[in-house]
């Protein structure tokens, strides 16, 4: 690019010249001698001019250079980009912290479920109280900083907490809490309730292992009741694909549990009949 202090060497656009009326046709001598311009581009430009143009030499006006936006604004741009990078980093760190706290709440709910299966309901209650307190604090933080993350990040924690609370109410014989009482969104409440079916199957199998057939049948009845209530929610089934999937899993678990209970019932009946026959044969032998 030519320096503004040096003679003009090339012209690539008529925009660098004055208006059409200010042009004057140069003589061939002035063009060839280089008095006006040392480039053949200008000569070629005048060759294309109409023949009735004046034959005088042109008046050439150079426009002052426009300021470079990048140079003038680079300082401000660097500051803006630095702040943007800092905001992105801060949001990433906060999201990581939210995920960490969410996993801790999920772990507390899982420990509560394990305590319920062990029969330690008081420990389960304490763990769930801690989970509920931390979940409320985390929810309040996300509501105050919507630019960091949404409440959807708490989905797994909500589901696990609702599942543990509902299982505890079923085992203890109390009324099941509502979503508003737990502070859980309705969709996560339904998904957590669907997971309770799997935990009830676990309790039914433990009861069968210990020979408590009636307890296993009671758990099966609760599983069927929950399943029937969930599949009656047509609109929720249509909106929540995850709920449909969990209901399908719940149906298979119910069928498997029903088969296990039926086999155990036949086994117990056969065992009882064999004991009766053994006692009868022993009595006849003694007689």
Foldseek 3Di string as FASTA:
>chain_A
DDDPVDDDADDDDCVQFDDPLQAAAEDPVCQVVQVRYPYCRVVVVSVPDDPPGHHHHGDTHGDDDDDDPCVVCVVVVVVVVVVVVVVVVVLVVVVVVLLVLLVVLLVLLVVLLVCVLVVNNVSSVVSLVVSLVSVVVSQVVCVVPVVSDHCVSNLSSLLSSLLSQQLSCVSVVHDRDDCVVSVGDPLSNLNSLLCNLVSLLVSLVVCLVVVNLVSNVVSLVVLVVSLVVLVVPVVSVVVDVSSVVSSVVSVVSSVVSVVVSVVSVVVVVVVVVVVVVVVVVVVVVVD
